N, C-alpha and C. Protein backbone atom coordinates (compact mmCIF):
# COMPACT_ATOMS: atom_id res chain seq x y z
N MET A 1 25.18 46.89 42.44
CA MET A 1 25.07 47.79 43.59
C MET A 1 25.61 49.14 43.17
N SER A 2 24.80 50.17 43.30
CA SER A 2 25.23 51.50 42.86
C SER A 2 25.77 52.37 43.98
N ASP A 3 25.55 51.99 45.25
CA ASP A 3 26.07 52.79 46.36
C ASP A 3 27.54 52.46 46.59
N ARG A 4 28.31 53.50 46.87
CA ARG A 4 29.75 53.31 47.09
C ARG A 4 30.21 54.19 48.23
N VAL A 5 31.02 53.63 49.09
CA VAL A 5 31.75 54.38 50.11
C VAL A 5 33.18 54.45 49.61
N VAL A 6 33.74 55.65 49.57
CA VAL A 6 35.06 55.86 48.98
C VAL A 6 36.03 56.37 50.03
N LEU A 7 37.19 55.73 50.11
CA LEU A 7 38.32 56.22 50.89
C LEU A 7 39.45 56.46 49.89
N ALA A 8 39.85 57.71 49.72
CA ALA A 8 40.80 58.07 48.67
C ALA A 8 42.07 58.67 49.25
N GLY A 9 43.18 58.30 48.66
CA GLY A 9 44.46 58.91 49.01
C GLY A 9 45.05 58.47 50.33
N LEU A 10 44.78 57.24 50.76
CA LEU A 10 45.43 56.72 51.96
C LEU A 10 46.92 56.59 51.66
N GLU A 11 47.76 57.03 52.58
CA GLU A 11 49.21 56.97 52.37
C GLU A 11 49.88 56.18 53.48
N PHE A 12 50.81 55.32 53.06
CA PHE A 12 51.53 54.47 54.00
C PHE A 12 52.99 54.37 53.58
N LEU A 13 53.86 54.12 54.53
CA LEU A 13 55.26 53.76 54.25
C LEU A 13 55.39 52.27 54.47
N ALA A 14 55.94 51.59 53.46
CA ALA A 14 56.01 50.13 53.54
C ALA A 14 57.13 49.61 52.65
N ARG A 15 57.35 48.31 52.72
CA ARG A 15 58.44 47.66 52.01
C ARG A 15 57.89 46.62 51.03
N HIS A 16 57.59 47.06 49.82
CA HIS A 16 57.11 46.16 48.78
C HIS A 16 57.90 46.42 47.51
N GLY A 17 58.28 45.37 46.80
CA GLY A 17 58.98 45.51 45.54
C GLY A 17 59.86 44.31 45.26
N VAL A 18 60.29 44.19 44.03
CA VAL A 18 61.09 43.03 43.63
C VAL A 18 62.58 43.23 43.91
N ASN A 19 63.02 44.47 44.05
CA ASN A 19 64.43 44.73 44.34
C ASN A 19 64.72 44.55 45.82
N ASP A 20 65.90 44.04 46.12
CA ASP A 20 66.27 43.80 47.51
C ASP A 20 66.17 45.07 48.35
N TRP A 21 66.62 46.20 47.81
CA TRP A 21 66.61 47.45 48.60
C TRP A 21 65.19 47.87 48.95
N GLU A 22 64.21 47.47 48.12
CA GLU A 22 62.82 47.85 48.40
C GLU A 22 62.26 47.13 49.63
N LYS A 23 62.88 46.05 49.99
CA LYS A 23 62.46 45.30 51.18
C LYS A 23 63.14 45.82 52.45
N VAL A 24 64.07 46.76 52.27
CA VAL A 24 64.80 47.35 53.40
C VAL A 24 64.35 48.79 53.63
N GLU A 25 64.34 49.57 52.57
CA GLU A 25 63.98 50.99 52.66
C GLU A 25 62.47 51.18 52.46
N PRO A 26 61.78 51.73 53.43
CA PRO A 26 60.34 51.98 53.24
C PRO A 26 60.10 52.99 52.11
N GLN A 27 59.06 52.73 51.35
CA GLN A 27 58.64 53.62 50.28
C GLN A 27 57.20 54.04 50.52
N ARG A 28 56.81 55.09 49.85
CA ARG A 28 55.44 55.58 49.95
C ARG A 28 54.53 54.75 49.04
N PHE A 29 53.38 54.39 49.58
CA PHE A 29 52.33 53.71 48.81
C PHE A 29 51.03 54.46 49.05
N GLU A 30 50.26 54.64 48.00
CA GLU A 30 48.96 55.30 48.08
C GLU A 30 47.89 54.27 47.73
N VAL A 31 46.79 54.32 48.48
CA VAL A 31 45.71 53.35 48.28
C VAL A 31 44.38 54.10 48.21
N ASP A 32 43.55 53.73 47.25
CA ASP A 32 42.16 54.18 47.17
C ASP A 32 41.28 52.94 47.29
N LEU A 33 40.17 53.09 47.99
CA LEU A 33 39.21 52.00 48.14
C LEU A 33 37.82 52.50 47.76
N GLU A 34 37.10 51.69 47.02
CA GLU A 34 35.68 51.92 46.75
C GLU A 34 34.93 50.69 47.23
N LEU A 35 34.05 50.89 48.18
CA LEU A 35 33.30 49.78 48.77
C LEU A 35 31.86 49.84 48.27
N ALA A 36 31.41 48.79 47.62
CA ALA A 36 30.04 48.72 47.12
C ALA A 36 29.18 48.04 48.17
N LEU A 37 28.16 48.76 48.62
CA LEU A 37 27.22 48.22 49.59
C LEU A 37 25.95 49.06 49.54
N ASP A 38 24.90 48.54 50.09
CA ASP A 38 23.63 49.26 50.15
C ASP A 38 23.66 50.17 51.37
N VAL A 39 23.81 51.48 51.15
CA VAL A 39 23.87 52.43 52.27
C VAL A 39 22.49 52.96 52.65
N HIS A 40 21.47 52.58 51.91
CA HIS A 40 20.11 53.08 52.17
C HIS A 40 19.63 52.81 53.59
N PRO A 41 19.75 51.58 54.12
CA PRO A 41 19.31 51.34 55.50
C PRO A 41 20.05 52.22 56.52
N ALA A 42 21.34 52.40 56.33
CA ALA A 42 22.12 53.24 57.25
C ALA A 42 21.69 54.69 57.16
N ALA A 43 21.46 55.15 55.93
CA ALA A 43 21.06 56.54 55.73
C ALA A 43 19.69 56.82 56.36
N LEU A 44 18.76 55.90 56.19
CA LEU A 44 17.42 56.10 56.75
C LEU A 44 17.43 56.12 58.27
N ALA A 45 18.25 55.25 58.86
CA ALA A 45 18.29 55.12 60.31
C ALA A 45 19.36 56.00 60.95
N ASP A 46 20.23 56.60 60.12
CA ASP A 46 21.38 57.37 60.62
C ASP A 46 22.16 56.51 61.62
N ASP A 47 22.46 55.26 61.18
CA ASP A 47 23.03 54.24 62.06
C ASP A 47 24.26 53.60 61.42
N LEU A 48 25.42 53.84 62.00
CA LEU A 48 26.67 53.28 61.49
C LEU A 48 26.64 51.76 61.45
N ALA A 49 25.95 51.13 62.36
CA ALA A 49 25.90 49.67 62.41
C ALA A 49 25.27 49.08 61.14
N LYS A 50 24.55 49.89 60.39
CA LYS A 50 23.92 49.42 59.15
C LYS A 50 24.76 49.76 57.92
N SER A 51 25.97 50.26 58.14
CA SER A 51 26.86 50.63 57.05
C SER A 51 28.21 49.97 57.26
N VAL A 52 29.27 50.67 56.93
CA VAL A 52 30.63 50.19 57.14
C VAL A 52 31.40 51.28 57.87
N ASP A 53 32.20 50.88 58.84
CA ASP A 53 32.97 51.82 59.64
C ASP A 53 34.27 52.15 58.92
N TYR A 54 34.42 53.40 58.48
CA TYR A 54 35.61 53.80 57.74
C TYR A 54 36.89 53.53 58.53
N ARG A 55 36.84 53.77 59.83
CA ARG A 55 38.04 53.58 60.66
C ARG A 55 38.51 52.12 60.60
N GLY A 56 37.59 51.19 60.67
CA GLY A 56 37.96 49.78 60.60
C GLY A 56 38.56 49.43 59.25
N VAL A 57 38.00 49.97 58.17
CA VAL A 57 38.53 49.72 56.83
C VAL A 57 39.94 50.30 56.71
N TYR A 58 40.11 51.52 57.22
CA TYR A 58 41.43 52.15 57.20
C TYR A 58 42.44 51.30 57.99
N ASP A 59 42.07 50.89 59.19
CA ASP A 59 42.97 50.09 60.03
C ASP A 59 43.34 48.77 59.37
N THR A 60 42.37 48.12 58.75
CA THR A 60 42.63 46.86 58.05
C THR A 60 43.61 47.09 56.91
N THR A 61 43.38 48.13 56.13
CA THR A 61 44.25 48.45 55.00
C THR A 61 45.66 48.77 55.48
N ARG A 62 45.77 49.59 56.50
CA ARG A 62 47.08 49.95 57.04
C ARG A 62 47.84 48.71 57.51
N ARG A 63 47.15 47.84 58.21
CA ARG A 63 47.79 46.61 58.70
C ARG A 63 48.32 45.77 57.54
N VAL A 64 47.52 45.58 56.50
CA VAL A 64 47.95 44.78 55.35
C VAL A 64 49.16 45.42 54.66
N VAL A 65 49.11 46.74 54.46
CA VAL A 65 50.19 47.42 53.75
C VAL A 65 51.47 47.44 54.58
N GLU A 66 51.36 47.79 55.85
CA GLU A 66 52.56 48.01 56.67
C GLU A 66 53.13 46.74 57.30
N ASP A 67 52.32 45.73 57.52
CA ASP A 67 52.79 44.53 58.24
C ASP A 67 53.22 43.39 57.33
N ASN A 68 53.17 43.59 56.02
CA ASN A 68 53.54 42.56 55.07
C ASN A 68 54.60 43.09 54.11
N THR A 69 55.25 42.17 53.41
CA THR A 69 56.17 42.53 52.34
C THR A 69 55.85 41.64 51.15
N PHE A 70 55.51 42.28 50.03
CA PHE A 70 55.20 41.56 48.80
C PHE A 70 56.12 42.04 47.69
N ASP A 71 56.41 41.20 46.74
CA ASP A 71 57.16 41.62 45.56
C ASP A 71 56.31 42.54 44.69
N LEU A 72 55.06 42.17 44.49
CA LEU A 72 54.20 42.86 43.52
C LEU A 72 53.11 43.69 44.20
N ILE A 73 52.83 44.86 43.61
CA ILE A 73 51.70 45.64 44.12
C ILE A 73 50.38 44.95 43.77
N GLU A 74 50.39 44.09 42.77
CA GLU A 74 49.21 43.29 42.47
C GLU A 74 48.85 42.39 43.65
N THR A 75 49.87 41.79 44.25
CA THR A 75 49.66 40.93 45.41
C THR A 75 49.19 41.74 46.60
N LEU A 76 49.75 42.92 46.78
CA LEU A 76 49.32 43.82 47.85
C LEU A 76 47.85 44.19 47.68
N ALA A 77 47.45 44.57 46.49
CA ALA A 77 46.05 44.93 46.23
C ALA A 77 45.12 43.75 46.52
N GLU A 78 45.53 42.57 46.09
CA GLU A 78 44.72 41.36 46.33
C GLU A 78 44.55 41.10 47.82
N ALA A 79 45.63 41.26 48.59
CA ALA A 79 45.56 41.04 50.04
C ALA A 79 44.65 42.07 50.71
N ILE A 80 44.71 43.31 50.27
CA ILE A 80 43.83 44.34 50.82
C ILE A 80 42.38 43.99 50.54
N ALA A 81 42.08 43.63 49.30
CA ALA A 81 40.70 43.29 48.92
C ALA A 81 40.17 42.13 49.74
N ARG A 82 40.97 41.09 49.88
CA ARG A 82 40.57 39.90 50.64
C ARG A 82 40.26 40.26 52.09
N GLU A 83 41.13 41.04 52.72
CA GLU A 83 40.94 41.39 54.13
C GLU A 83 39.76 42.32 54.34
N VAL A 84 39.59 43.29 53.45
CA VAL A 84 38.45 44.23 53.59
C VAL A 84 37.14 43.49 53.42
N LEU A 85 37.04 42.63 52.42
CA LEU A 85 35.81 41.85 52.25
C LEU A 85 35.57 40.92 53.43
N GLY A 86 36.63 40.31 53.93
CA GLY A 86 36.50 39.38 55.05
C GLY A 86 36.08 40.04 56.35
N ALA A 87 36.43 41.30 56.52
CA ALA A 87 36.15 41.99 57.78
C ALA A 87 34.87 42.81 57.77
N ASN A 88 34.21 42.90 56.62
CA ASN A 88 33.05 43.79 56.50
C ASN A 88 31.92 43.10 55.74
N ALA A 89 31.03 42.47 56.47
CA ALA A 89 29.97 41.66 55.86
C ALA A 89 29.05 42.47 54.95
N ALA A 90 28.89 43.76 55.21
CA ALA A 90 27.98 44.58 54.41
C ALA A 90 28.56 44.90 53.03
N VAL A 91 29.87 44.81 52.88
CA VAL A 91 30.52 45.16 51.62
C VAL A 91 30.38 44.01 50.63
N GLU A 92 29.76 44.31 49.49
CA GLU A 92 29.53 43.30 48.46
C GLU A 92 30.67 43.21 47.46
N GLU A 93 31.34 44.35 47.26
CA GLU A 93 32.42 44.42 46.27
C GLU A 93 33.39 45.51 46.71
N VAL A 94 34.66 45.31 46.40
CA VAL A 94 35.66 46.33 46.71
C VAL A 94 36.54 46.55 45.49
N THR A 95 36.80 47.83 45.22
CA THR A 95 37.79 48.21 44.21
C THR A 95 38.98 48.77 44.97
N VAL A 96 40.15 48.25 44.66
CA VAL A 96 41.38 48.67 45.33
C VAL A 96 42.34 49.22 44.28
N ARG A 97 42.81 50.42 44.51
CA ARG A 97 43.86 51.00 43.68
C ARG A 97 45.09 51.19 44.55
N VAL A 98 46.22 50.66 44.11
CA VAL A 98 47.49 50.84 44.81
C VAL A 98 48.43 51.57 43.85
N ARG A 99 49.02 52.66 44.36
CA ARG A 99 49.97 53.43 43.58
C ARG A 99 51.31 53.47 44.31
N LYS A 100 52.37 53.38 43.53
CA LYS A 100 53.73 53.48 44.03
C LYS A 100 54.32 54.74 43.38
N PRO A 101 54.20 55.90 44.06
CA PRO A 101 54.58 57.15 43.41
C PRO A 101 56.08 57.37 43.25
N ASP A 102 56.90 56.72 44.04
CA ASP A 102 58.34 56.97 43.99
C ASP A 102 59.09 55.88 43.24
N VAL A 103 58.38 55.21 42.34
CA VAL A 103 58.99 54.13 41.56
C VAL A 103 60.09 54.70 40.66
N GLU A 104 61.16 53.94 40.52
CA GLU A 104 62.29 54.36 39.69
C GLU A 104 62.31 53.52 38.43
N LEU A 105 61.99 54.17 37.31
CA LEU A 105 61.97 53.46 36.02
C LEU A 105 62.92 54.08 35.00
N GLY A 106 63.74 55.04 35.43
CA GLY A 106 64.70 55.64 34.52
C GLY A 106 64.24 56.92 33.85
N GLY A 107 63.08 57.40 34.23
CA GLY A 107 62.58 58.64 33.66
C GLY A 107 61.39 59.14 34.45
N PRO A 108 60.89 60.31 34.07
CA PRO A 108 59.75 60.88 34.81
C PRO A 108 58.51 59.99 34.74
N ILE A 109 57.87 59.82 35.88
CA ILE A 109 56.62 59.06 35.96
C ILE A 109 55.90 59.49 37.23
N ALA A 110 54.60 59.68 37.14
CA ALA A 110 53.82 60.10 38.31
C ALA A 110 53.71 58.95 39.32
N TYR A 111 53.46 57.75 38.81
CA TYR A 111 53.37 56.57 39.66
C TYR A 111 53.19 55.33 38.80
N ALA A 112 53.47 54.19 39.40
CA ALA A 112 53.06 52.90 38.84
C ALA A 112 51.92 52.42 39.72
N GLY A 113 50.93 51.81 39.13
CA GLY A 113 49.78 51.41 39.94
C GLY A 113 49.04 50.22 39.37
N VAL A 114 48.12 49.75 40.18
CA VAL A 114 47.26 48.64 39.79
C VAL A 114 45.87 48.90 40.37
N GLU A 115 44.86 48.47 39.66
CA GLU A 115 43.47 48.55 40.14
C GLU A 115 42.83 47.19 39.98
N ILE A 116 42.22 46.70 41.07
CA ILE A 116 41.50 45.43 41.00
C ILE A 116 40.10 45.62 41.58
N ARG A 117 39.19 44.77 41.16
CA ARG A 117 37.83 44.76 41.70
C ARG A 117 37.51 43.34 42.08
N ARG A 118 37.08 43.15 43.32
CA ARG A 118 36.74 41.82 43.80
C ARG A 118 35.37 41.84 44.44
N ARG A 119 34.61 40.79 44.15
CA ARG A 119 33.28 40.61 44.73
C ARG A 119 33.34 39.55 45.81
N ARG A 120 32.42 39.68 46.74
CA ARG A 120 32.29 38.66 47.78
C ARG A 120 31.98 37.33 47.11
N GLU A 121 32.57 36.25 47.64
CA GLU A 121 32.29 34.89 47.13
C GLU A 121 30.79 34.66 47.06
N GLY A 122 30.34 34.13 45.95
CA GLY A 122 28.91 33.86 45.79
C GLY A 122 28.10 35.10 45.50
N GLY A 123 28.79 36.24 45.29
CA GLY A 123 28.09 37.50 45.05
C GLY A 123 27.68 37.73 43.62
N GLY A 124 27.95 36.76 42.74
CA GLY A 124 27.54 36.90 41.35
C GLY A 124 28.53 37.56 40.56
């Protein structure tokens, strides 16, 4: 599938990390999503019902990030992918990037991050 809907630079405050303090003090998390789906029918009809509603994807992502606590950003990315695919039948594949920009590793770093790509079950 070559069509993609992109939501870039979503920002949330949440509690994810392996350190105890990370589960108490909210930190900034950035999320990018790339949704693979056929947008041609929606484009021809100018009909949102034939595409994916960005607001719903944003709300799903926000809920997963803000309402859960995970040790690993890998687990967070996996949960986002699972929920987005589950809530949007038109989406065949999702790429999720999660960045933790305020990570403390003892020196300068822009962010720590993870990128995963998941396809709908049975999607090949």
